[in-house]
Amino acid sequence: MDVLPEIKNWGEGKYSFFVGRQRYTLTTQLDEERFISVVKNVQAAVSQYPSSLCQDERLFLALMSLSFRLEELHRKTDAMVSRFSEEEHKQ
């Protein structure tokens, strides 16, 4: 039992969910669909690491992994914008 997929909606933007071994409860202004998607991404990132690591270590590694993916997306987006911008200037 590592990641429990259950995400409990308590209403008015308040949710309870597990990441790794820990249950978290928080309130957000995100719509439910988007919030659940974010939580599932975090759960998946944390579950990649051995359960023998402590919660903080797994959270830190997941943070680093997600940050790396975000950086890669920024680079790819910037490259696409530059390429389209160059093509537009050529026309």
Foldseek 3Di string as FASTA:
>chain_A
DFADLDWDDPDQQWIWGDAGHDIDIDGDPDPPVVVSVVVVLRNVLLVVDDSVDDPVVSSVSSVVVVVVVVVVVVVVVVVVVVVVVVVVVVD
